[in-house]
């Protein structure tokens, strides 16, 4: 009997040795039992090594081990240590001609010189690890190890679902043998490939048309003054400020990209940002009056009037005063003097509106003065409101829209009942109504 140890399981295998009887002189014994064949050279039965003679004697992960009279299919990690031969009995002629070499070393070791060295089952392919496993040699044995990301269940390697352990800050995607972390939009993986850090989209070409503000996980687009954010949240559209109010400018509002501006009509200049102010062409020298004329500034323009305004029978005393001598018969029913004045008013004034005050320059004791509009008010647009004995106010009675021009003769009649004396003087007032309400 010879003992065969497989891993921790020892199996006793009865090896039947061929016992050859010395042949007699009359016959020759050449038959052997199963597993042996006759060796004519040694004249003995010789063990057949089925592991060499039988193609693929063992299937799958099993390894073939030859023994006397047969063979074993054992795991690759198994090894066969032949038992010591029993002592020879006197008078017997038993001889084993083919057997496994004796191994005096422990399981997993083999003799090398006078010492035992470890057998690397992984290099010799004498292991039973699954194809998905990795064979790791150990002193006297070996282990089957699963790759990273797998755990061993029985003899199989099962993928570890790392996502169950919340390794990722945002999203975890499990893959065979590993996992990957993903971040929500607006974030990117940190250097540890697990945490998520905010992305500054403004530094990475965010589609904001004008201004970009980074926020945690996203960004905001904002527009410059005069623009408003479009429906897409990125584009900036010009605001037409002129369409919101008609009071932004005194005359005309002009919309521009991102802003608006006010414009004034000809003859006016912008005062500040929205008001219009009349240009005094007579002061700026922008008029075209001749040397024989006087420049009179009016709203939005100017007038050139002749310096000599006196008409017969009046004679000129000063630049704007004409006198009708009493010695001339034609002066009998005319005012003694006429003084020329000029003024300009705006259109659409609220009425009644005081526009010009008449003041007597000479007052005689006991005289009584009255004021009236002598001529020029054919439509009744004006009236006189007397203030006292020496002054009166010209009042605009109806709203007028320019451009218009009036020439009114405002007369003051002086009566002295004690002296039975009456005289009059006139103020010829030229009124220019501008085309605008400013």
Protein backbone atom coordinates (compact mmCIF):
# COMPACT_ATOMS: atom_id res chain seq x y z
CA UNK A 1 0.00 0.00 0.00
CA UNK A 2 1.25 3.47 -0.86
CA UNK A 3 -0.25 6.72 0.68
CA UNK A 4 -1.24 9.64 -1.52
CA UNK A 5 -1.94 13.05 0.17
CA UNK A 6 -3.93 15.65 -1.73
CA UNK A 7 -3.99 19.06 -0.03
CA UNK A 8 -5.39 18.26 3.42
CA UNK A 9 -7.13 15.09 2.27
CA UNK A 10 -5.11 11.93 2.45
CA UNK A 11 -6.21 9.05 0.28
CA UNK A 12 -4.85 5.58 0.66
CA UNK A 13 -4.42 3.94 -2.66
CA UNK A 14 -3.73 0.27 -2.83
CA UNK A 15 -1.09 -0.21 -5.43
CA UNK A 16 -1.03 -3.64 -6.76
CA UNK A 17 2.48 -4.63 -7.56
CA UNK A 18 3.01 -7.24 -10.11
CA UNK A 19 4.53 -10.23 -8.42
CA UNK A 20 6.64 -12.15 -10.79
CA UNK A 21 7.20 -15.74 -10.01
CA UNK A 22 10.40 -17.24 -11.04
CA UNK A 23 9.62 -19.14 -14.16
CA UNK A 24 9.94 -22.77 -14.12
CA UNK A 25 11.97 -24.55 -16.57
CA UNK A 26 8.93 -25.61 -18.50
CA UNK A 27 7.03 -22.23 -18.99
CA UNK A 28 7.56 -18.38 -19.19
CA UNK A 29 5.23 -15.94 -17.38
CA UNK A 30 4.56 -12.82 -19.47
CA UNK A 31 1.08 -11.62 -18.44
CA UNK A 32 0.66 -8.50 -16.24
CA UNK A 33 -2.34 -7.07 -14.40
CA UNK A 34 -4.18 -3.92 -15.61
CA UNK A 35 -1.98 -0.87 -15.50
CA UNK A 36 1.22 -2.82 -16.16
CA UNK A 37 2.99 -4.10 -19.17
CA UNK A 38 5.71 -6.77 -19.59
CA UNK A 39 9.25 -5.46 -19.79
CA UNK A 40 11.23 -8.03 -21.71
CA UNK A 41 14.52 -6.42 -20.76
CA UNK A 42 14.02 -6.64 -17.05
CA UNK A 43 11.73 -9.64 -17.33
CA UNK A 44 9.28 -7.87 -15.01
CA UNK A 45 5.88 -6.16 -15.23
CA UNK A 46 6.41 -2.35 -15.63
CA UNK A 47 3.89 0.33 -14.62
CA UNK A 48 2.22 2.16 -17.48
CA UNK A 49 2.33 6.00 -17.19
CA UNK A 50 -1.24 6.78 -18.34
CA UNK A 51 -0.61 10.55 -17.95
CA UNK A 52 1.74 10.23 -20.92
CA UNK A 53 -0.01 7.62 -22.97
CA UNK A 54 -3.63 8.77 -22.67
CA UNK A 55 -4.35 12.09 -24.51
CA UNK A 56 -6.02 14.59 -22.17
CA UNK A 57 -6.35 12.03 -19.40
CA UNK A 58 -7.74 14.76 -17.09
CA UNK A 59 -10.15 17.52 -18.16
CA UNK A 60 -10.58 21.14 -17.10
CA UNK A 61 -8.53 22.35 -14.19
CA UNK A 62 -7.57 18.82 -13.03
CA UNK A 63 -4.02 17.53 -13.15
CA UNK A 64 -3.01 13.98 -13.95
CA UNK A 65 -0.93 12.08 -11.36
CA UNK A 66 0.42 8.64 -12.33
CA UNK A 67 0.57 5.85 -9.76
CA UNK A 68 1.21 2.13 -9.86
CA UNK A 69 -1.42 0.43 -11.88
CA UNK A 70 -3.44 3.57 -12.67
CA UNK A 71 -3.60 7.40 -12.46
CA UNK A 72 -5.43 10.11 -10.51
CA UNK A 73 -7.07 13.35 -11.66
CA UNK A 74 -6.53 15.80 -8.82
CA UNK A 75 -6.58 19.63 -8.48
CA UNK A 76 -3.46 21.37 -9.67
CA UNK A 77 -2.63 22.37 -6.12
CA UNK A 78 -2.38 18.74 -5.05
CA UNK A 79 0.89 16.87 -4.83
CA UNK A 80 1.60 13.18 -4.35
CA UNK A 81 4.09 12.09 -1.71
CA UNK A 82 4.84 8.39 -2.09
CA UNK A 83 4.93 6.41 1.14
CA UNK A 84 8.03 4.58 2.28
CA UNK A 85 8.44 1.16 0.76
CA UNK A 86 7.70 -1.57 3.27
CA UNK A 87 10.74 -3.53 4.37
CA UNK A 88 11.53 -6.45 2.14
CA UNK A 89 10.39 -9.74 3.51
CA UNK A 90 12.93 -12.45 3.52
CA UNK A 91 12.42 -14.82 0.76
CA UNK A 92 10.34 -12.46 -1.35
CA UNK A 93 11.38 -10.93 -4.61
CA UNK A 94 9.15 -7.77 -4.82
CA UNK A 95 10.63 -4.88 -6.76
CA UNK A 96 9.06 -1.57 -7.84
CA UNK A 97 10.62 -0.53 -11.04
CA UNK A 98 8.70 2.77 -11.71
CA UNK A 99 7.40 5.11 -8.99
CA UNK A 100 7.33 8.80 -8.08
CA UNK A 101 10.62 10.15 -6.74
CA UNK A 102 10.68 10.42 -2.97
CA UNK A 103 10.16 14.01 -1.72
CA UNK A 104 11.47 14.52 1.80
CA UNK A 105 10.22 18.16 1.85
CA UNK A 106 6.93 19.49 3.29
CA UNK A 107 3.92 20.01 1.08
CA UNK A 108 4.57 22.85 -1.34
CA UNK A 109 8.33 22.48 -1.26
CA UNK A 110 10.78 20.46 -3.26
CA UNK A 111 14.33 19.38 -2.57
CA UNK A 112 17.14 21.39 -4.04
CA UNK A 113 20.51 20.10 -2.97
CA UNK A 114 20.44 19.66 0.76
CA UNK A 115 17.54 22.08 1.33
CA UNK A 116 13.84 22.49 0.49
CA UNK A 117 12.72 25.38 -1.69
CA UNK A 118 9.21 26.69 -2.23
CA UNK A 119 7.37 25.49 -5.29
CA UNK A 120 5.91 28.41 -7.31
CA UNK A 121 2.61 26.84 -8.32
CA UNK A 122 1.63 30.05 -10.15
CA UNK A 123 4.59 29.88 -12.53
CA UNK A 124 4.21 26.14 -13.05
CA UNK A 125 0.48 26.52 -13.68
CA UNK A 126 -0.19 24.07 -10.86
CA UNK A 127 -3.04 26.12 -9.35
CA UNK A 128 -6.81 26.03 -9.61
CA UNK A 129 -7.47 29.80 -9.77
CA UNK A 130 -10.30 30.91 -12.02
CA UNK A 131 -9.39 32.77 -15.23
CA UNK A 132 -10.68 35.99 -13.68
CA UNK A 133 -8.47 35.54 -10.62
CA UNK A 134 -4.83 36.19 -10.02
CA UNK A 135 -2.60 33.51 -8.59
CA UNK A 136 -0.37 34.70 -5.73
CA UNK A 137 2.40 32.39 -4.65
CA UNK A 138 2.86 31.91 -0.90
CA UNK A 139 5.40 29.85 1.06
CA UNK A 140 4.35 26.25 0.58
CA UNK A 141 1.10 27.09 -1.19
CA UNK A 142 -0.72 29.72 -3.25
CA UNK A 143 -3.83 31.91 -3.03
CA UNK A 144 -6.34 33.04 -5.63
CA UNK A 145 -6.88 36.77 -5.42
CA UNK A 146 -9.55 38.86 -7.14
CA UNK A 147 -8.57 42.02 -9.05
CA UNK A 148 -9.14 45.43 -7.50
CA UNK A 149 -12.81 46.28 -7.49
CA UNK A 150 -13.92 42.66 -7.06
CA UNK A 151 -14.55 40.51 -4.01
CA UNK A 152 -14.41 36.76 -3.73
CA UNK A 153 -17.66 34.91 -3.16
CA UNK A 154 -16.99 31.20 -3.05
CA UNK A 155 -14.71 30.58 -6.00
CA UNK A 156 -16.06 33.49 -8.07
CA UNK A 157 -15.02 37.15 -8.21
CA UNK A 158 -18.01 39.49 -7.91
CA UNK A 159 -17.85 43.17 -8.85
CA UNK A 160 -17.93 45.55 -5.87
CA UNK A 161 -20.55 48.29 -6.22
CA UNK A 162 -18.50 51.15 -4.83
CA UNK A 163 -21.39 53.56 -5.36
CA UNK A 164 -23.11 52.08 -2.30
CA UNK A 165 -20.40 53.56 -0.11
CA UNK A 166 -20.97 57.15 -1.24
CA UNK A 167 -17.44 57.68 -2.47
CA UNK A 168 -18.58 60.47 -4.83
CA UNK A 169 -19.78 63.94 -3.82
CA UNK A 170 -22.36 64.20 -6.61
CA UNK A 171 -22.96 61.24 -8.91
CA UNK A 172 -21.37 57.79 -8.92
CA UNK A 173 -21.26 55.47 -11.94
CA UNK A 174 -20.35 51.87 -11.19
CA UNK A 175 -18.37 49.96 -13.84
CA UNK A 176 -16.98 46.41 -13.70
CA UNK A 177 -14.11 46.41 -11.27
CA UNK A 178 -14.19 50.13 -10.62
CA UNK A 179 -16.34 53.27 -10.50
CA UNK A 180 -16.24 56.84 -11.73
CA UNK A 181 -17.50 60.07 -10.21
CA UNK A 182 -19.42 62.66 -12.16
CA UNK A 183 -20.39 66.19 -11.23
CA UNK A 184 -23.55 68.17 -11.80
CA UNK A 185 -23.51 70.87 -14.50
CA UNK A 186 -21.49 73.83 -13.34
CA UNK A 187 -18.97 71.70 -11.43
CA UNK A 188 -15.87 69.72 -12.30
CA UNK A 189 -13.99 66.90 -10.62
CA UNK A 190 -11.31 67.90 -8.15
CA UNK A 191 -7.86 66.38 -8.13
CA UNK A 192 -9.02 63.49 -5.95
CA UNK A 193 -11.51 62.47 -8.69
CA UNK A 194 -14.29 62.32 -6.10
CA UNK A 195 -15.07 65.86 -4.94
CA UNK A 196 -16.73 68.46 -7.15
CA UNK A 197 -15.60 72.07 -7.33
CA UNK A 198 -17.39 75.02 -8.85
CA UNK A 199 -16.56 75.98 -12.43
CA UNK A 200 -16.10 79.67 -13.14
CA UNK A 201 -18.03 79.77 -16.39
CA UNK A 202 -17.21 83.45 -16.79
CA UNK A 203 -13.53 82.56 -17.24
CA UNK A 204 -14.37 79.70 -19.59
CA UNK A 205 -16.23 81.62 -22.26
CA UNK A 206 -19.74 81.87 -20.86
CA UNK A 207 -22.16 83.04 -23.58
CA UNK A 208 -23.07 86.30 -21.83
CA UNK A 209 -23.22 89.13 -24.32
CA UNK A 210 -22.15 91.84 -21.88
CA UNK A 211 -21.50 91.07 -18.21
CA UNK A 212 -21.07 87.68 -16.51
CA UNK A 213 -21.31 86.92 -12.79
CA UNK A 214 -20.18 83.53 -11.52
CA UNK A 215 -22.34 81.84 -8.88
CA UNK A 216 -22.06 78.49 -7.13
CA UNK A 217 -22.76 75.88 -9.76
CA UNK A 218 -23.90 78.29 -12.45
CA UNK A 219 -23.56 81.87 -13.68
CA UNK A 220 -25.73 84.90 -14.36
CA UNK A 221 -25.72 87.29 -17.28
CA UNK A 222 -26.35 90.96 -16.73
CA UNK A 223 -26.60 93.89 -19.10
CA UNK A 224 -25.16 97.37 -19.10
CA UNK A 225 -27.33 100.35 -18.37
CA UNK A 226 -29.69 100.97 -21.24
CA UNK A 227 -30.05 97.28 -22.09
CA UNK A 228 -32.30 94.52 -20.85
CA UNK A 229 -31.69 90.78 -20.73
CA UNK A 230 -33.32 88.83 -23.54
CA UNK A 231 -35.55 85.74 -23.10
CA UNK A 232 -32.57 83.41 -23.60
CA UNK A 233 -30.83 84.85 -20.53
CA UNK A 234 -27.66 85.65 -22.50
CA UNK A 235 -28.34 88.37 -25.07
CA UNK A 236 -28.78 92.03 -24.17
CA UNK A 237 -31.37 94.04 -26.07
CA UNK A 238 -31.38 97.80 -26.31
CA UNK A 239 -34.05 99.59 -24.28
CA UNK A 240 -35.95 102.18 -26.29
CA UNK A 241 -36.19 104.78 -23.54
CA UNK A 242 -37.99 107.18 -25.85
CA UNK A 243 -40.99 104.84 -26.03
CA UNK A 244 -41.47 104.85 -22.26
CA UNK A 245 -42.21 108.55 -21.79
CA UNK A 246 -42.76 111.67 -23.82
CA UNK A 247 -41.28 113.82 -21.06
CA UNK A 248 -37.71 112.62 -21.26
CA UNK A 249 -36.77 115.44 -23.63
CA UNK A 250 -38.17 118.91 -23.97
CA UNK A 251 -38.20 118.67 -27.75
CA UNK A 252 -37.18 115.34 -29.33
CA UNK A 253 -35.90 112.07 -27.90
CA UNK A 254 -33.49 110.04 -30.03
CA UNK A 255 -32.89 106.41 -29.04
CA UNK A 256 -29.33 105.12 -29.31
CA UNK A 257 -27.72 101.76 -28.45
CA UNK A 258 -27.78 101.54 -24.69
CA UNK A 259 -28.89 105.14 -24.18
CA UNK A 260 -30.89 108.04 -25.54
CA UNK A 261 -30.18 111.65 -26.30
CA UNK A 262 -32.24 114.80 -26.57
CA UNK A 263 -32.16 117.06 -29.58
CA UNK A 264 -33.31 120.63 -29.97
CA UNK A 265 -34.78 122.38 -33.01
CA UNK A 266 -32.88 124.83 -35.12
CA UNK A 267 -32.15 128.03 -33.24
CA UNK A 268 -31.91 126.23 -29.89
CA UNK A 269 -29.12 124.53 -28.00
CA UNK A 270 -29.20 121.77 -25.41
CA UNK A 271 -29.22 122.98 -21.83
CA UNK A 272 -28.03 120.10 -19.67
CA UNK A 273 -29.27 116.79 -21.05
CA UNK A 274 -32.94 117.38 -21.84
CA UNK A 275 -33.83 121.09 -21.96
CA UNK A 276 -33.58 123.39 -24.94
CA UNK A 277 -32.38 126.96 -24.70
CA UNK A 278 -32.78 129.64 -27.33
CA UNK A 279 -29.58 130.70 -29.08
CA UNK A 280 -29.11 134.46 -29.00
CA UNK A 281 -27.74 134.94 -32.48
CA UNK A 282 -27.45 138.70 -31.90
CA UNK A 283 -24.90 138.03 -29.13
CA UNK A 284 -23.06 135.16 -30.79
CA UNK A 285 -22.68 137.05 -34.08
CA UNK A 286 -24.44 134.34 -36.06
CA UNK A 287 -26.89 136.82 -37.65
CA UNK A 288 -26.75 138.43 -41.07
CA UNK A 289 -28.09 141.88 -40.27
CA UNK A 290 -26.53 144.83 -42.14
CA UNK A 291 -25.03 147.95 -40.61
CA UNK A 292 -28.26 149.85 -41.16
CA UNK A 293 -30.24 147.26 -39.25
CA UNK A 294 -30.63 146.18 -35.67
CA UNK A 295 -30.60 142.50 -34.66
CA UNK A 296 -33.53 141.45 -32.48
CA UNK A 297 -33.34 138.02 -30.90
CA UNK A 298 -36.54 136.01 -30.82
CA UNK A 299 -37.35 132.40 -29.80
CA UNK A 300 -35.56 130.09 -32.18
CA UNK A 301 -34.41 132.82 -34.57
CA UNK A 302 -33.67 136.54 -34.93
CA UNK A 303 -35.08 139.57 -36.76
CA UNK A 304 -33.24 142.34 -38.56
CA UNK A 305 -35.11 145.64 -38.18
CA UNK A 306 -34.25 148.94 -39.81
CA UNK A 307 -32.58 151.48 -37.59
CA UNK A 308 -34.64 154.39 -39.04
CA UNK A 309 -38.22 153.44 -38.16
CA UNK A 310 -39.80 156.89 -38.21
CA UNK A 311 -42.31 157.51 -40.93
CA UNK A 312 -43.62 160.94 -42.02
CA UNK A 313 -44.80 163.09 -40.33
CA UNK A 314 -42.63 161.64 -37.49
CA UNK A 315 -39.04 162.50 -37.13
CA UNK A 316 -36.42 160.38 -35.36
CA UNK A 317 -35.15 161.61 -32.03
CA UNK A 318 -33.27 158.52 -30.88
CA UNK A 319 -32.73 155.02 -32.26
CA UNK A 320 -36.18 153.87 -31.17
CA UNK A 321 -38.14 157.10 -30.54
CA UNK A 322 -40.06 159.14 -33.07
CA UNK A 323 -41.80 162.48 -32.43
CA UNK A 324 -44.57 164.19 -34.41
CA UNK A 325 -44.09 168.02 -34.11
CA UNK A 326 -47.20 169.94 -33.15
CA UNK A 327 -46.29 172.44 -35.79
CA UNK A 328 -47.24 169.92 -38.45
CA UNK A 329 -50.97 169.86 -39.16
CA UNK A 330 -50.85 166.12 -39.79
CA UNK A 331 -49.77 165.53 -36.20
CA UNK A 332 -52.97 166.92 -34.75
CA UNK A 333 -54.75 163.53 -34.40
CA UNK A 334 -51.62 161.40 -33.93
CA UNK A 335 -49.77 160.43 -30.75
CA UNK A 336 -47.08 162.93 -29.92
CA UNK A 337 -44.40 160.28 -29.72
CA UNK A 338 -43.92 156.67 -30.67
CA UNK A 339 -41.40 154.42 -28.88
CA UNK A 340 -40.46 151.11 -30.58
CA UNK A 341 -40.06 147.96 -28.49
CA UNK A 342 -39.58 144.26 -29.38
CA UNK A 343 -40.35 141.06 -27.48
CA UNK A 344 -40.76 137.35 -28.07
CA UNK A 345 -43.07 134.87 -26.37
CA UNK A 346 -43.44 131.08 -26.61
CA UNK A 347 -46.28 129.19 -28.17
CA UNK A 348 -49.12 127.66 -26.20
CA UNK A 349 -48.76 129.86 -23.14
CA UNK A 350 -51.41 129.41 -20.51
CA UNK A 351 -53.90 132.27 -20.57
CA UNK A 352 -54.64 134.86 -19.42
CA UNK A 353 -50.96 135.73 -19.22
CA UNK A 354 -49.32 139.07 -18.40
CA UNK A 355 -46.68 139.68 -21.04
CA UNK A 356 -45.73 143.38 -21.07
CA UNK A 357 -45.99 146.29 -18.65
CA UNK A 358 -46.53 149.90 -19.89
CA UNK A 359 -45.06 152.62 -17.71
CA UNK A 360 -45.53 156.41 -18.19
CA UNK A 361 -42.21 158.26 -18.36
CA UNK A 362 -43.62 161.80 -17.79
CA UNK A 363 -46.31 162.64 -15.23
CA UNK A 364 -47.99 166.04 -15.11
CA UNK A 365 -49.78 167.28 -11.97
CA UNK A 366 -53.54 166.93 -12.20
CA UNK A 367 -53.34 164.75 -15.33
CA UNK A 368 -55.42 161.63 -15.64
CA UNK A 369 -53.95 158.77 -17.74
CA UNK A 370 -55.74 155.98 -19.57
CA UNK A 371 -54.33 153.07 -21.62
CA UNK A 372 -55.68 151.26 -24.67
CA UNK A 373 -54.68 149.17 -27.68
CA UNK A 374 -54.75 151.66 -30.51
CA UNK A 375 -54.13 149.18 -33.38
CA UNK A 376 -52.80 145.73 -34.31
CA UNK A 377 -55.18 143.51 -32.31
CA UNK A 378 -57.63 142.63 -35.04
CA UNK A 379 -58.49 139.19 -33.58
CA UNK A 380 -58.82 140.31 -29.98
CA UNK A 381 -55.90 138.18 -28.78
CA UNK A 382 -54.86 140.82 -26.19
CA UNK A 383 -56.34 143.29 -23.74
CA UNK A 384 -55.08 146.07 -21.45
CA UNK A 385 -55.38 145.81 -17.66
CA UNK A 386 -54.65 149.21 -16.06
CA UNK A 387 -52.76 148.96 -12.83
CA UNK A 388 -52.80 152.60 -11.70
CA UNK A 389 -52.65 156.12 -13.12
CA UNK A 390 -49.20 155.67 -14.60
CA UNK A 391 -48.95 151.96 -15.56
CA UNK A 392 -50.89 149.19 -17.23
CA UNK A 393 -50.36 145.52 -18.21
CA UNK A 394 -50.70 143.97 -21.65
CA UNK A 395 -52.41 140.60 -21.23
CA UNK A 396 -52.47 137.67 -23.68
CA UNK A 397 -56.12 136.69 -23.73
CA UNK A 398 -55.99 133.59 -25.97
CA UNK A 399 -53.43 130.83 -26.46
CA UNK A 400 -51.52 131.30 -29.67
CA UNK A 401 -49.21 129.00 -31.61
CA UNK A 402 -46.30 130.34 -33.57
CA UNK A 403 -44.62 131.30 -35.59
CA UNK A 404 -46.66 134.51 -35.48
CA UNK A 405 -45.87 138.22 -35.42
CA UNK A 406 -47.94 141.05 -33.93
CA UNK A 407 -47.34 144.81 -34.11
CA UNK A 408 -49.43 146.53 -31.43
CA UNK A 409 -49.68 150.29 -30.84
CA UNK A 410 -50.26 150.69 -27.10
CA UNK A 411 -51.46 154.25 -26.42
CA UNK A 412 -51.47 156.27 -23.20
CA UNK A 413 -53.89 159.25 -23.26
CA UNK A 414 -53.26 162.01 -20.72
CA UNK A 415 -56.12 164.45 -19.86
CA UNK A 416 -55.77 167.50 -17.63
CA UNK A 417 -59.30 168.82 -16.98
CA UNK A 418 -58.03 171.85 -15.13
CA UNK A 419 -56.04 173.06 -18.09
CA UNK A 420 -58.37 171.57 -20.71
CA UNK A 421 -55.31 169.81 -22.06
CA UNK A 422 -55.09 166.36 -23.74
CA UNK A 423 -52.14 164.56 -25.26
CA UNK A 424 -51.11 161.00 -26.04
CA UNK A 425 -48.06 158.89 -26.67
CA UNK A 426 -47.73 155.42 -28.13
CA UNK A 427 -45.53 152.38 -27.68
CA UNK A 428 -45.21 150.33 -30.84
CA UNK A 429 -44.64 146.79 -29.57
CA UNK A 430 -43.53 144.07 -32.01
CA UNK A 431 -44.42 140.66 -30.54
CA UNK A 432 -42.88 137.50 -32.06
CA UNK A 433 -44.46 134.19 -31.12
CA UNK A 434 -41.94 131.33 -31.33
CA UNK A 435 -42.78 127.99 -32.97
CA UNK A 436 -42.36 125.97 -29.75
CA UNK A 437 -43.56 126.03 -26.18
CA UNK A 438 -40.04 126.73 -24.90
